[in-house]
Amino acid sequence: MTTGVLIVDDDELIRVGLRAIIDAQPDLHVLAEAADGAEVPPLVARHRPDVVLMDVRMPGIDGIQATRHLLATSADPPRVLVVTTFANDEYVYEALRAGASGFLLKRARPAEVVEAVRVVAAGESLLFPAAIRQLVGAYGPTGGDRLSAARLTEREAEVLRLMTTGRSNPEIAAHLVVGVETVKTHVGNVLAKLGVRDRTQAVIAAYESGFVTPSG
């Protein structure tokens, strides 16, 4: 099986470059391209991509609006991977809050682009703990009671804290000396209780609530 990708960027050179990188892989395939966020809903409905590479800053409908609309209106939405020039960008933070599974710098090496697409296509989040801390410290609201309302168990809270460090499920399992399936169950419970789609939004909620702080 191949992973279908939709590329959304107003810069044709970026689209051409990303297509060349992705189509060079036997397990990845670009299904379509778009130059504006307004084109995303019909293209997603027509092609059913697994991953959308979404430029965060575009004229017309930007990546934030397009991501929010896509995840709110699609019964089975694709994973969204935000593409950006600068990591420390308020647009990136808002796109992650809107439901994007991670972000990728436009200057990323081809191997990094390929790995990022595969990671989010597999249902994981592309987390860069240092970058998330910087974004939340610069742009994130604080003082919310989202975590207290979620009523996480002690073990679920411990798992969430480890998630904020960017650890994978096997790494969390090794740290806690439990099975990977047990960790998957805890992660699933955390996401459900917080009402979020994936690890990225859970980590953001942890920071915004003060459960963990950008300073560590």
N, C-alpha and C. Protein backbone atom coordinates (compact mmCIF):
# COMPACT_ATOMS: atom_id res chain seq x y z
N MET A 1 0.83 -1.20 0.00
CA MET A 1 0.00 0.00 0.00
C MET A 1 0.87 1.25 0.00
N THR A 2 0.39 2.28 -0.66
CA THR A 2 1.12 3.54 -0.68
C THR A 2 0.36 4.59 0.10
N THR A 3 1.11 5.56 0.59
CA THR A 3 0.52 6.68 1.33
C THR A 3 0.26 7.82 0.36
N GLY A 4 -1.00 8.25 0.27
CA GLY A 4 -1.37 9.34 -0.61
C GLY A 4 -1.18 10.69 0.05
N VAL A 5 -0.61 11.64 -0.67
CA VAL A 5 -0.28 12.95 -0.12
C VAL A 5 -0.90 14.06 -0.96
N LEU A 6 -1.45 15.06 -0.29
CA LEU A 6 -1.91 16.29 -0.94
C LEU A 6 -0.97 17.41 -0.53
N ILE A 7 -0.42 18.14 -1.50
CA ILE A 7 0.49 19.25 -1.23
C ILE A 7 -0.26 20.56 -1.40
N VAL A 8 -0.22 21.41 -0.36
CA VAL A 8 -0.92 22.70 -0.40
C VAL A 8 0.09 23.80 -0.10
N ASP A 9 0.44 24.58 -1.12
CA ASP A 9 1.40 25.66 -0.95
C ASP A 9 1.22 26.64 -2.10
N ASP A 10 1.25 27.93 -1.81
CA ASP A 10 1.05 28.92 -2.87
C ASP A 10 2.30 29.12 -3.72
N ASP A 11 3.44 28.57 -3.28
CA ASP A 11 4.69 28.68 -4.02
C ASP A 11 4.87 27.44 -4.90
N GLU A 12 4.83 27.63 -6.21
CA GLU A 12 4.92 26.49 -7.13
C GLU A 12 6.25 25.76 -7.00
N LEU A 13 7.33 26.50 -6.74
CA LEU A 13 8.64 25.85 -6.59
C LEU A 13 8.65 24.90 -5.40
N ILE A 14 8.00 25.30 -4.32
CA ILE A 14 7.92 24.43 -3.14
C ILE A 14 7.11 23.18 -3.48
N ARG A 15 6.00 23.37 -4.17
CA ARG A 15 5.16 22.22 -4.54
C ARG A 15 5.94 21.24 -5.43
N VAL A 16 6.65 21.77 -6.42
CA VAL A 16 7.41 20.92 -7.33
C VAL A 16 8.49 20.16 -6.57
N GLY A 17 9.18 20.85 -5.66
CA GLY A 17 10.23 20.20 -4.88
C GLY A 17 9.71 19.10 -3.99
N LEU A 18 8.60 19.38 -3.29
CA LEU A 18 8.01 18.37 -2.41
C LEU A 18 7.50 17.17 -3.21
N ARG A 19 6.89 17.44 -4.36
CA ARG A 19 6.40 16.34 -5.19
C ARG A 19 7.56 15.44 -5.63
N ALA A 20 8.67 16.04 -6.04
CA ALA A 20 9.82 15.25 -6.49
C ALA A 20 10.35 14.37 -5.36
N ILE A 21 10.42 14.93 -4.16
CA ILE A 21 10.92 14.17 -3.01
C ILE A 21 9.99 13.02 -2.67
N ILE A 22 8.69 13.29 -2.64
CA ILE A 22 7.72 12.28 -2.22
C ILE A 22 7.54 11.20 -3.27
N ASP A 23 7.42 11.61 -4.53
CA ASP A 23 7.18 10.62 -5.58
C ASP A 23 8.40 9.74 -5.86
N ALA A 24 9.56 10.11 -5.31
CA ALA A 24 10.75 9.28 -5.48
C ALA A 24 10.72 8.06 -4.55
N GLN A 25 9.75 8.03 -3.61
CA GLN A 25 9.65 6.93 -2.67
C GLN A 25 8.60 5.91 -3.14
N PRO A 26 8.91 4.65 -3.06
CA PRO A 26 7.96 3.63 -3.56
C PRO A 26 6.68 3.53 -2.74
N ASP A 27 6.72 3.98 -1.48
CA ASP A 27 5.54 3.85 -0.62
C ASP A 27 4.77 5.16 -0.46
N LEU A 28 5.20 6.22 -1.18
CA LEU A 28 4.53 7.51 -1.10
C LEU A 28 4.12 7.97 -2.49
N HIS A 29 3.01 8.72 -2.55
CA HIS A 29 2.54 9.18 -3.86
C HIS A 29 1.76 10.48 -3.71
N VAL A 30 2.10 11.49 -4.49
CA VAL A 30 1.37 12.75 -4.47
C VAL A 30 0.11 12.60 -5.32
N LEU A 31 -1.02 12.80 -4.70
CA LEU A 31 -2.31 12.63 -5.39
C LEU A 31 -2.75 13.91 -6.09
N ALA A 32 -2.42 15.06 -5.49
CA ALA A 32 -2.87 16.33 -6.06
C ALA A 32 -2.12 17.47 -5.39
N GLU A 33 -2.23 18.66 -5.99
CA GLU A 33 -1.63 19.86 -5.44
C GLU A 33 -2.68 20.96 -5.37
N ALA A 34 -2.46 21.91 -4.45
CA ALA A 34 -3.34 23.07 -4.33
C ALA A 34 -2.48 24.28 -3.99
N ALA A 35 -2.93 25.46 -4.44
CA ALA A 35 -2.19 26.69 -4.18
C ALA A 35 -2.87 27.56 -3.13
N ASP A 36 -4.02 27.10 -2.63
CA ASP A 36 -4.77 27.90 -1.65
C ASP A 36 -5.58 26.96 -0.77
N GLY A 37 -5.78 27.36 0.48
CA GLY A 37 -6.53 26.54 1.40
C GLY A 37 -7.96 26.28 0.97
N ALA A 38 -8.53 27.16 0.16
CA ALA A 38 -9.90 26.99 -0.30
C ALA A 38 -10.05 25.76 -1.18
N GLU A 39 -8.96 25.33 -1.79
CA GLU A 39 -9.01 24.16 -2.68
C GLU A 39 -8.96 22.84 -1.93
N VAL A 40 -8.65 22.89 -0.64
CA VAL A 40 -8.41 21.66 0.12
C VAL A 40 -9.65 20.78 0.27
N PRO A 41 -10.81 21.29 0.72
CA PRO A 41 -11.96 20.39 0.94
C PRO A 41 -12.36 19.57 -0.27
N PRO A 42 -12.53 20.17 -1.46
CA PRO A 42 -12.92 19.33 -2.61
C PRO A 42 -11.83 18.34 -3.02
N LEU A 43 -10.56 18.73 -2.89
CA LEU A 43 -9.48 17.82 -3.26
C LEU A 43 -9.40 16.64 -2.28
N VAL A 44 -9.61 16.91 -1.01
CA VAL A 44 -9.61 15.84 -0.01
C VAL A 44 -10.78 14.89 -0.27
N ALA A 45 -11.95 15.45 -0.56
CA ALA A 45 -13.12 14.62 -0.84
C ALA A 45 -12.91 13.75 -2.08
N ARG A 46 -12.22 14.30 -3.08
CA ARG A 46 -12.03 13.57 -4.34
C ARG A 46 -10.93 12.52 -4.25
N HIS A 47 -9.81 12.86 -3.59
CA HIS A 47 -8.63 11.99 -3.63
C HIS A 47 -8.41 11.18 -2.35
N ARG A 48 -9.01 11.58 -1.24
CA ARG A 48 -8.86 10.89 0.04
C ARG A 48 -7.39 10.67 0.42
N PRO A 49 -6.61 11.73 0.52
CA PRO A 49 -5.20 11.57 0.90
C PRO A 49 -5.06 11.11 2.35
N ASP A 50 -3.94 10.47 2.64
CA ASP A 50 -3.64 10.08 4.01
C ASP A 50 -3.00 11.23 4.78
N VAL A 51 -2.23 12.06 4.06
CA VAL A 51 -1.51 13.17 4.67
C VAL A 51 -1.66 14.41 3.79
N VAL A 52 -1.86 15.56 4.43
CA VAL A 52 -1.87 16.84 3.73
C VAL A 52 -0.66 17.64 4.21
N LEU A 53 0.22 18.01 3.27
CA LEU A 53 1.33 18.91 3.57
C LEU A 53 0.79 20.32 3.35
N MET A 54 0.60 21.06 4.44
CA MET A 54 -0.12 22.32 4.40
C MET A 54 0.78 23.51 4.72
N ASP A 55 0.97 24.38 3.74
CA ASP A 55 1.69 25.63 3.99
C ASP A 55 0.89 26.44 5.00
N VAL A 56 1.56 26.97 6.00
CA VAL A 56 0.82 27.66 7.06
C VAL A 56 0.43 29.08 6.66
N ARG A 57 1.22 29.73 5.81
CA ARG A 57 0.94 31.11 5.39
C ARG A 57 0.64 31.14 3.90
N MET A 58 -0.63 31.40 3.57
CA MET A 58 -1.05 31.49 2.18
C MET A 58 -2.06 32.63 2.05
N PRO A 59 -2.09 33.30 0.90
CA PRO A 59 -3.13 34.31 0.68
C PRO A 59 -4.49 33.62 0.58
N GLY A 60 -5.53 34.34 0.89
CA GLY A 60 -6.85 33.73 0.89
C GLY A 60 -7.06 32.92 2.14
N ILE A 61 -7.34 31.63 1.98
CA ILE A 61 -7.52 30.73 3.13
C ILE A 61 -6.16 30.18 3.54
N ASP A 62 -5.69 30.55 4.73
CA ASP A 62 -4.36 30.11 5.17
C ASP A 62 -4.43 28.70 5.75
N GLY A 63 -3.27 28.20 6.15
CA GLY A 63 -3.19 26.83 6.65
C GLY A 63 -3.95 26.60 7.93
N ILE A 64 -4.05 27.61 8.77
CA ILE A 64 -4.80 27.47 10.03
C ILE A 64 -6.27 27.26 9.74
N GLN A 65 -6.85 28.15 8.94
CA GLN A 65 -8.27 28.05 8.61
C GLN A 65 -8.57 26.74 7.88
N ALA A 66 -7.70 26.39 6.94
CA ALA A 66 -7.92 25.17 6.16
C ALA A 66 -7.86 23.93 7.04
N THR A 67 -6.91 23.90 7.97
CA THR A 67 -6.79 22.76 8.89
C THR A 67 -8.00 22.66 9.79
N ARG A 68 -8.40 23.78 10.37
CA ARG A 68 -9.56 23.78 11.28
C ARG A 68 -10.83 23.32 10.55
N HIS A 69 -11.03 23.83 9.34
CA HIS A 69 -12.22 23.46 8.58
C HIS A 69 -12.19 21.98 8.19
N LEU A 70 -11.05 21.53 7.76
CA LEU A 70 -10.90 20.14 7.32
C LEU A 70 -11.21 19.17 8.45
N LEU A 71 -10.65 19.42 9.61
CA LEU A 71 -10.83 18.49 10.73
C LEU A 71 -12.23 18.58 11.32
N ALA A 72 -12.88 19.72 11.14
CA ALA A 72 -14.23 19.88 11.69
C ALA A 72 -15.32 19.31 10.79
N THR A 73 -15.03 19.21 9.50
CA THR A 73 -16.09 18.83 8.56
C THR A 73 -15.92 17.45 7.95
N SER A 74 -14.75 16.86 8.10
CA SER A 74 -14.51 15.54 7.51
C SER A 74 -14.71 14.44 8.54
N ALA A 75 -15.46 13.40 8.16
CA ALA A 75 -15.71 12.30 9.08
C ALA A 75 -14.44 11.51 9.37
N ASP A 76 -13.58 11.41 8.38
CA ASP A 76 -12.31 10.68 8.54
C ASP A 76 -11.20 11.52 7.91
N PRO A 77 -10.81 12.59 8.59
CA PRO A 77 -9.87 13.54 7.99
C PRO A 77 -8.46 12.97 7.87
N PRO A 78 -7.72 13.45 6.90
CA PRO A 78 -6.31 13.04 6.78
C PRO A 78 -5.48 13.71 7.86
N ARG A 79 -4.28 13.23 8.03
CA ARG A 79 -3.34 13.89 8.94
C ARG A 79 -2.80 15.14 8.27
N VAL A 80 -2.65 16.20 9.03
CA VAL A 80 -2.14 17.46 8.50
C VAL A 80 -0.74 17.71 9.04
N LEU A 81 0.19 17.94 8.13
CA LEU A 81 1.56 18.26 8.48
C LEU A 81 1.83 19.67 7.97
N VAL A 82 2.02 20.61 8.89
CA VAL A 82 2.21 22.01 8.53
C VAL A 82 3.61 22.22 7.98
N VAL A 83 3.71 22.95 6.88
CA VAL A 83 4.99 23.29 6.28
C VAL A 83 5.23 24.77 6.49
N THR A 84 6.39 25.12 7.04
CA THR A 84 6.64 26.50 7.41
C THR A 84 8.09 26.91 7.15
N THR A 85 8.29 28.20 6.97
CA THR A 85 9.64 28.74 6.80
C THR A 85 10.34 28.88 8.14
N PHE A 86 9.59 29.30 9.17
CA PHE A 86 10.17 29.55 10.49
C PHE A 86 9.46 28.69 11.53
N ALA A 87 10.25 28.06 12.41
CA ALA A 87 9.66 27.21 13.45
C ALA A 87 8.93 28.05 14.50
N ASN A 88 9.53 29.17 14.88
CA ASN A 88 8.95 30.01 15.93
C ASN A 88 7.98 31.00 15.30
N ASP A 89 6.84 30.50 14.87
CA ASP A 89 5.87 31.28 14.12
C ASP A 89 4.50 31.09 14.77
N GLU A 90 3.83 32.18 15.09
CA GLU A 90 2.52 32.07 15.74
C GLU A 90 1.54 31.30 14.87
N TYR A 91 1.67 31.40 13.55
CA TYR A 91 0.80 30.65 12.65
C TYR A 91 0.98 29.14 12.86
N VAL A 92 2.22 28.71 13.09
CA VAL A 92 2.48 27.30 13.33
C VAL A 92 1.78 26.86 14.61
N TYR A 93 1.91 27.66 15.65
CA TYR A 93 1.28 27.33 16.93
C TYR A 93 -0.23 27.20 16.78
N GLU A 94 -0.84 28.15 16.08
CA GLU A 94 -2.29 28.11 15.91
C GLU A 94 -2.71 26.93 15.05
N ALA A 95 -1.90 26.56 14.07
CA ALA A 95 -2.22 25.39 13.25
C ALA A 95 -2.15 24.10 14.07
N LEU A 96 -1.17 24.01 14.95
CA LEU A 96 -1.06 22.85 15.83
C LEU A 96 -2.25 22.79 16.78
N ARG A 97 -2.65 23.95 17.29
CA ARG A 97 -3.83 23.99 18.16
C ARG A 97 -5.09 23.61 17.39
N ALA A 98 -5.11 23.93 16.11
CA ALA A 98 -6.28 23.62 15.28
C ALA A 98 -6.38 22.14 14.95
N GLY A 99 -5.29 21.40 15.14
CA GLY A 99 -5.34 19.97 14.91
C GLY A 99 -4.26 19.37 14.04
N ALA A 100 -3.32 20.17 13.57
CA ALA A 100 -2.21 19.62 12.79
C ALA A 100 -1.39 18.66 13.65
N SER A 101 -0.87 17.62 13.02
CA SER A 101 -0.13 16.59 13.76
C SER A 101 1.34 16.91 13.94
N GLY A 102 1.80 18.01 13.36
CA GLY A 102 3.19 18.40 13.50
C GLY A 102 3.55 19.43 12.45
N PHE A 103 4.80 19.82 12.43
CA PHE A 103 5.23 20.79 11.42
C PHE A 103 6.59 20.41 10.86
N LEU A 104 6.85 20.94 9.68
CA LEU A 104 8.07 20.62 8.94
C LEU A 104 8.62 21.91 8.35
N LEU A 105 9.89 22.14 8.52
CA LEU A 105 10.51 23.34 7.96
C LEU A 105 10.74 23.16 6.46
N LYS A 106 10.56 24.24 5.71
CA LYS A 106 10.74 24.16 4.26
C LYS A 106 12.18 23.87 3.88
N ARG A 107 13.10 24.14 4.78
CA ARG A 107 14.50 23.86 4.49
C ARG A 107 14.91 22.44 4.92
N ALA A 108 13.93 21.63 5.34
CA ALA A 108 14.23 20.27 5.77
C ALA A 108 14.85 19.47 4.63
N ARG A 109 15.73 18.55 5.00
CA ARG A 109 16.36 17.69 4.00
C ARG A 109 15.33 16.69 3.46
N PRO A 110 15.52 16.21 2.24
CA PRO A 110 14.58 15.25 1.66
C PRO A 110 14.27 14.06 2.57
N ALA A 111 15.28 13.52 3.21
CA ALA A 111 15.06 12.37 4.10
C ALA A 111 14.16 12.75 5.27
N GLU A 112 14.27 13.98 5.74
CA GLU A 112 13.44 14.44 6.85
C GLU A 112 11.99 14.61 6.40
N VAL A 113 11.80 15.09 5.17
CA VAL A 113 10.45 15.23 4.62
C VAL A 113 9.78 13.86 4.53
N VAL A 114 10.49 12.91 3.98
CA VAL A 114 9.96 11.56 3.81
C VAL A 114 9.62 10.94 5.16
N GLU A 115 10.51 11.06 6.11
CA GLU A 115 10.28 10.48 7.43
C GLU A 115 9.09 11.13 8.11
N ALA A 116 8.95 12.44 7.97
CA ALA A 116 7.83 13.16 8.59
C ALA A 116 6.50 12.67 8.04
N VAL A 117 6.42 12.51 6.73
CA VAL A 117 5.18 12.03 6.11
C VAL A 117 4.86 10.63 6.61
N ARG A 118 5.86 9.78 6.68
CA ARG A 118 5.62 8.41 7.15
C ARG A 118 5.18 8.37 8.61
N VAL A 119 5.77 9.22 9.42
CA VAL A 119 5.42 9.24 10.85
C VAL A 119 3.96 9.63 11.05
N VAL A 120 3.53 10.72 10.44
CA VAL A 120 2.14 11.16 10.65
C VAL A 120 1.15 10.23 9.95
N ALA A 121 1.55 9.63 8.82
CA ALA A 121 0.67 8.68 8.14
C ALA A 121 0.42 7.46 9.00
N ALA A 122 1.39 7.12 9.85
CA ALA A 122 1.25 5.96 10.74
C ALA A 122 0.41 6.28 11.97
N GLY A 123 -0.06 7.52 12.06
CA GLY A 123 -0.91 7.90 13.19
C GLY A 123 -0.16 8.51 14.34
N GLU A 124 1.14 8.73 14.18
CA GLU A 124 1.93 9.36 15.23
C GLU A 124 1.96 10.87 15.02
N SER A 125 2.47 11.58 16.02
CA SER A 125 2.63 13.02 15.91
C SER A 125 4.10 13.34 15.75
N LEU A 126 4.39 14.38 14.98
CA LEU A 126 5.77 14.79 14.77
C LEU A 126 6.10 15.86 15.80
N LEU A 127 6.63 15.43 16.93
CA LEU A 127 6.85 16.34 18.04
C LEU A 127 8.32 16.74 18.16
N PHE A 128 8.54 18.03 18.29
CA PHE A 128 9.87 18.57 18.59
C PHE A 128 9.73 19.29 19.92
N PRO A 129 10.04 18.62 21.04
CA PRO A 129 9.76 19.20 22.35
C PRO A 129 10.31 20.61 22.55
N ALA A 130 11.54 20.85 22.12
CA ALA A 130 12.12 22.19 22.31
C ALA A 130 11.34 23.24 21.54
N ALA A 131 10.93 22.90 20.30
CA ALA A 131 10.17 23.84 19.48
C ALA A 131 8.79 24.10 20.08
N ILE A 132 8.14 23.03 20.57
CA ILE A 132 6.82 23.20 21.19
C ILE A 132 6.93 24.09 22.42
N ARG A 133 7.95 23.87 23.24
CA ARG A 133 8.14 24.71 24.43
C ARG A 133 8.30 26.17 24.03
N GLN A 134 9.10 26.41 22.99
CA GLN A 134 9.34 27.78 22.54
C GLN A 134 8.05 28.42 22.02
N LEU A 135 7.28 27.67 21.26
CA LEU A 135 6.03 28.20 20.72
C LEU A 135 5.03 28.51 21.83
N VAL A 136 4.89 27.61 22.78
CA VAL A 136 3.95 27.84 23.88
C VAL A 136 4.40 29.02 24.74
N GLY A 137 5.71 29.08 24.98
CA GLY A 137 6.22 30.20 25.78
C GLY A 137 5.98 31.54 25.13
N ALA A 138 6.04 31.57 23.79
CA ALA A 138 5.87 32.83 23.08
C ALA A 138 4.41 33.19 22.82
N TYR A 139 3.57 32.18 22.54
CA TYR A 139 2.22 32.48 22.06
C TYR A 139 1.09 31.84 22.85
N GLY A 140 1.41 30.88 23.71
CA GLY A 140 0.34 30.11 24.33
C GLY A 140 -0.30 30.79 25.52
N PRO A 141 -1.64 30.69 25.63
CA PRO A 141 -2.31 31.15 26.84
C PRO A 141 -2.00 30.18 27.97
N THR A 142 -2.13 30.63 29.19
CA THR A 142 -1.88 29.76 30.34
C THR A 142 -3.02 29.91 31.34
N GLY A 143 -3.05 28.98 32.28
CA GLY A 143 -4.02 29.09 33.37
C GLY A 143 -5.33 28.37 33.11
N GLY A 144 -5.44 27.59 32.02
CA GLY A 144 -6.67 26.87 31.75
C GLY A 144 -6.85 25.70 32.71
N ASP A 145 -8.09 25.21 32.85
CA ASP A 145 -8.35 24.10 33.76
C ASP A 145 -8.68 22.82 33.01
N ARG A 146 -8.20 22.74 31.77
CA ARG A 146 -8.53 21.61 30.91
C ARG A 146 -8.08 20.29 31.52
N LEU A 147 -6.91 20.27 32.14
CA LEU A 147 -6.41 19.03 32.69
C LEU A 147 -7.14 18.63 33.96
N SER A 148 -7.46 19.60 34.81
CA SER A 148 -8.19 19.25 36.03
C SER A 148 -9.57 18.71 35.70
N ALA A 149 -10.19 19.27 34.66
CA ALA A 149 -11.50 18.79 34.24
C ALA A 149 -11.42 17.40 33.63
N ALA A 150 -10.26 17.05 33.08
CA ALA A 150 -10.09 15.74 32.44
C ALA A 150 -10.01 14.61 33.46
N ARG A 151 -9.61 14.93 34.69
CA ARG A 151 -9.50 13.93 35.76
C ARG A 151 -8.64 12.74 35.37
N LEU A 152 -7.41 13.05 34.97
CA LEU A 152 -6.46 11.99 34.63
C LEU A 152 -6.07 11.22 35.88
N THR A 153 -5.85 9.92 35.72
CA THR A 153 -5.31 9.14 36.82
C THR A 153 -3.83 9.51 37.01
N GLU A 154 -3.27 9.06 38.11
CA GLU A 154 -1.85 9.35 38.37
C GLU A 154 -0.96 8.79 37.27
N ARG A 155 -1.27 7.58 36.80
CA ARG A 155 -0.45 6.97 35.75
C ARG A 155 -0.67 7.69 34.42
N GLU A 156 -1.88 8.08 34.12
CA GLU A 156 -2.14 8.82 32.89
C GLU A 156 -1.42 10.16 32.87
N ALA A 157 -1.39 10.82 34.03
CA ALA A 157 -0.67 12.09 34.14
C ALA A 157 0.83 11.88 33.93
N GLU A 158 1.33 10.77 34.46
CA GLU A 158 2.75 10.45 34.28
C GLU A 158 3.07 10.21 32.81
N VAL A 159 2.16 9.51 32.12
CA VAL A 159 2.35 9.24 30.70
C VAL A 159 2.31 10.55 29.91
N LEU A 160 1.38 11.44 30.24
CA LEU A 160 1.30 12.72 29.56
C LEU A 160 2.59 13.53 29.75
N ARG A 161 3.11 13.51 30.95
CA ARG A 161 4.36 14.24 31.21
C ARG A 161 5.49 13.70 30.33
N LEU A 162 5.54 12.41 30.16
CA LEU A 162 6.56 11.81 29.31
C LEU A 162 6.30 12.12 27.83
N MET A 163 5.03 12.21 27.45
CA MET A 163 4.68 12.59 26.08
C MET A 163 5.22 13.98 25.75
N THR A 164 5.20 14.88 26.72
CA THR A 164 5.67 16.25 26.46
C THR A 164 7.17 16.30 26.19
N THR A 165 7.89 15.24 26.53
CA THR A 165 9.32 15.19 26.25
C THR A 165 9.61 14.64 24.85
N GLY A 166 8.54 14.22 24.15
CA GLY A 166 8.72 13.69 22.80
C GLY A 166 8.97 12.20 22.76
N ARG A 167 8.86 11.52 23.90
CA ARG A 167 9.09 10.07 23.91
C ARG A 167 8.00 9.33 23.13
N SER A 168 8.40 8.28 22.45
CA SER A 168 7.47 7.40 21.74
C SER A 168 6.86 6.42 22.73
N ASN A 169 5.86 5.66 22.28
CA ASN A 169 5.25 4.67 23.16
C ASN A 169 6.26 3.64 23.67
N PRO A 170 7.13 3.08 22.80
CA PRO A 170 8.13 2.13 23.31
C PRO A 170 9.08 2.77 24.34
N GLU A 171 9.43 4.04 24.13
CA GLU A 171 10.32 4.72 25.07
C GLU A 171 9.63 4.97 26.39
N ILE A 172 8.35 5.31 26.35
CA ILE A 172 7.59 5.49 27.59
C ILE A 172 7.46 4.16 28.32
N ALA A 173 7.21 3.10 27.55
CA ALA A 173 7.08 1.77 28.14
C ALA A 173 8.37 1.35 28.85
N ALA A 174 9.50 1.62 28.21
CA ALA A 174 10.79 1.27 28.82
C ALA A 174 11.02 2.08 30.09
N HIS A 175 10.64 3.37 30.06
CA HIS A 175 10.84 4.23 31.23
C HIS A 175 9.98 3.77 32.40
N LEU A 176 8.75 3.37 32.12
CA LEU A 176 7.83 2.97 33.18
C LEU A 176 7.89 1.48 33.51
N VAL A 177 8.68 0.75 32.71
CA VAL A 177 8.81 -0.71 32.86
C VAL A 177 7.44 -1.38 32.76
N VAL A 178 6.73 -1.06 31.68
CA VAL A 178 5.45 -1.69 31.38
C VAL A 178 5.44 -2.06 29.90
N GLY A 179 4.41 -2.74 29.46
CA GLY A 179 4.30 -3.13 28.07
C GLY A 179 3.87 -1.97 27.18
N VAL A 180 4.22 -2.06 25.91
CA VAL A 180 3.85 -1.02 24.95
C VAL A 180 2.33 -0.92 24.82
N GLU A 181 1.64 -2.05 24.83
CA GLU A 181 0.18 -2.04 24.73
C GLU A 181 -0.45 -1.31 25.91
N THR A 182 0.16 -1.45 27.08
CA THR A 182 -0.34 -0.74 28.25
C THR A 182 -0.20 0.77 28.06
N VAL A 183 0.94 1.17 27.51
CA VAL A 183 1.16 2.59 27.25
C VAL A 183 0.16 3.10 26.22
N LYS A 184 -0.08 2.31 25.17
CA LYS A 184 -1.05 2.72 24.15
C LYS A 184 -2.42 2.94 24.77
N THR A 185 -2.79 2.09 25.71
CA THR A 185 -4.08 2.26 26.39
C THR A 185 -4.10 3.56 27.19
N HIS A 186 -3.03 3.85 27.91
CA HIS A 186 -2.96 5.09 28.69
C HIS A 186 -3.00 6.31 27.78
N VAL A 187 -2.24 6.26 26.68
CA VAL A 187 -2.23 7.39 25.74
C VAL A 187 -3.63 7.60 25.17
N GLY A 188 -4.29 6.52 24.78
CA GLY A 188 -5.65 6.64 24.27
C GLY A 188 -6.59 7.24 25.28
N ASN A 189 -6.45 6.86 26.55
CA ASN A 189 -7.29 7.43 27.61
C ASN A 189 -7.01 8.93 27.79
N VAL A 190 -5.74 9.31 27.72
CA VAL A 190 -5.38 10.72 27.86
C VAL A 190 -6.01 11.54 26.74
N LEU A 191 -5.88 11.07 25.50
CA LEU A 191 -6.44 11.80 24.37
C LEU A 191 -7.96 11.91 24.50
N ALA A 192 -8.61 10.82 24.89
CA ALA A 192 -10.07 10.83 25.01
C ALA A 192 -10.52 11.79 26.11
N LYS A 193 -9.85 11.77 27.24
CA LYS A 193 -10.25 12.62 28.36
C LYS A 193 -10.02 14.10 28.06
N LEU A 194 -8.96 14.38 27.28
CA LEU A 194 -8.68 15.77 26.93
C LEU A 194 -9.51 16.23 25.72
N GLY A 195 -10.12 15.27 25.03
CA GLY A 195 -10.92 15.60 23.86
C GLY A 195 -10.07 16.09 22.69
N VAL A 196 -8.89 15.47 22.52
CA VAL A 196 -7.99 15.88 21.45
C VAL A 196 -7.74 14.71 20.51
N ARG A 197 -7.23 15.05 19.33
CA ARG A 197 -7.07 14.04 18.27
C ARG A 197 -5.78 13.25 18.40
N ASP A 198 -4.69 13.93 18.78
CA ASP A 198 -3.42 13.23 18.85
C ASP A 198 -2.50 13.84 19.90
N ARG A 199 -1.26 13.34 19.92
CA ARG A 199 -0.32 13.72 20.96
C ARG A 199 0.03 15.20 20.93
N THR A 200 0.09 15.78 19.75
CA THR A 200 0.47 17.19 19.65
C THR A 200 -0.48 18.07 20.44
N GLN A 201 -1.80 17.86 20.26
CA GLN A 201 -2.77 18.67 20.98
C GLN A 201 -2.77 18.36 22.47
N ALA A 202 -2.47 17.11 22.83
CA ALA A 202 -2.37 16.76 24.25
C ALA A 202 -1.20 17.50 24.91
N VAL A 203 -0.09 17.55 24.21
CA VAL A 203 1.09 18.24 24.74
C VAL A 203 0.82 19.74 24.89
N ILE A 204 0.17 20.33 23.90
CA ILE A 204 -0.17 21.74 23.98
C ILE A 204 -1.10 22.00 25.16
N ALA A 205 -2.08 21.13 25.37
CA ALA A 205 -2.99 21.27 26.51
C ALA A 205 -2.23 21.19 27.83
N ALA A 206 -1.22 20.30 27.88
CA ALA A 206 -0.42 20.16 29.09
C ALA A 206 0.33 21.45 29.42
N TYR A 207 0.86 22.10 28.39
CA TYR A 207 1.56 23.35 28.60
C TYR A 207 0.60 24.48 28.95
N GLU A 208 -0.50 24.59 28.22
CA GLU A 208 -1.42 25.71 28.43
C GLU A 208 -2.10 25.65 29.78
N SER A 209 -2.24 24.45 30.33
CA SER A 209 -2.87 24.30 31.63
C SER A 209 -1.89 24.52 32.79
N GLY A 210 -0.59 24.59 32.46
CA GLY A 210 0.42 24.74 33.51
C GLY A 210 0.87 23.42 34.09
N PHE A 211 0.38 22.29 33.53
CA PHE A 211 0.78 20.97 33.99
C PHE A 211 2.29 20.79 33.82
N VAL A 212 2.80 21.26 32.70
CA VAL A 212 4.24 21.43 32.50
C VAL A 212 4.45 22.86 32.03
N THR A 213 5.65 23.38 32.19
CA THR A 213 5.92 24.75 31.83
C THR A 213 7.00 24.83 30.77
N PRO A 214 6.98 25.88 29.93
CA PRO A 214 8.01 26.02 28.90
C PRO A 214 9.41 26.06 29.45
N SER A 215 9.55 26.47 30.70
CA SER A 215 10.88 26.54 31.29
C SER A 215 11.33 25.20 31.86
N GLY A 216 10.40 24.22 31.78
CA GLY A 216 10.75 22.90 32.26
C GLY A 216 10.13 22.59 33.60
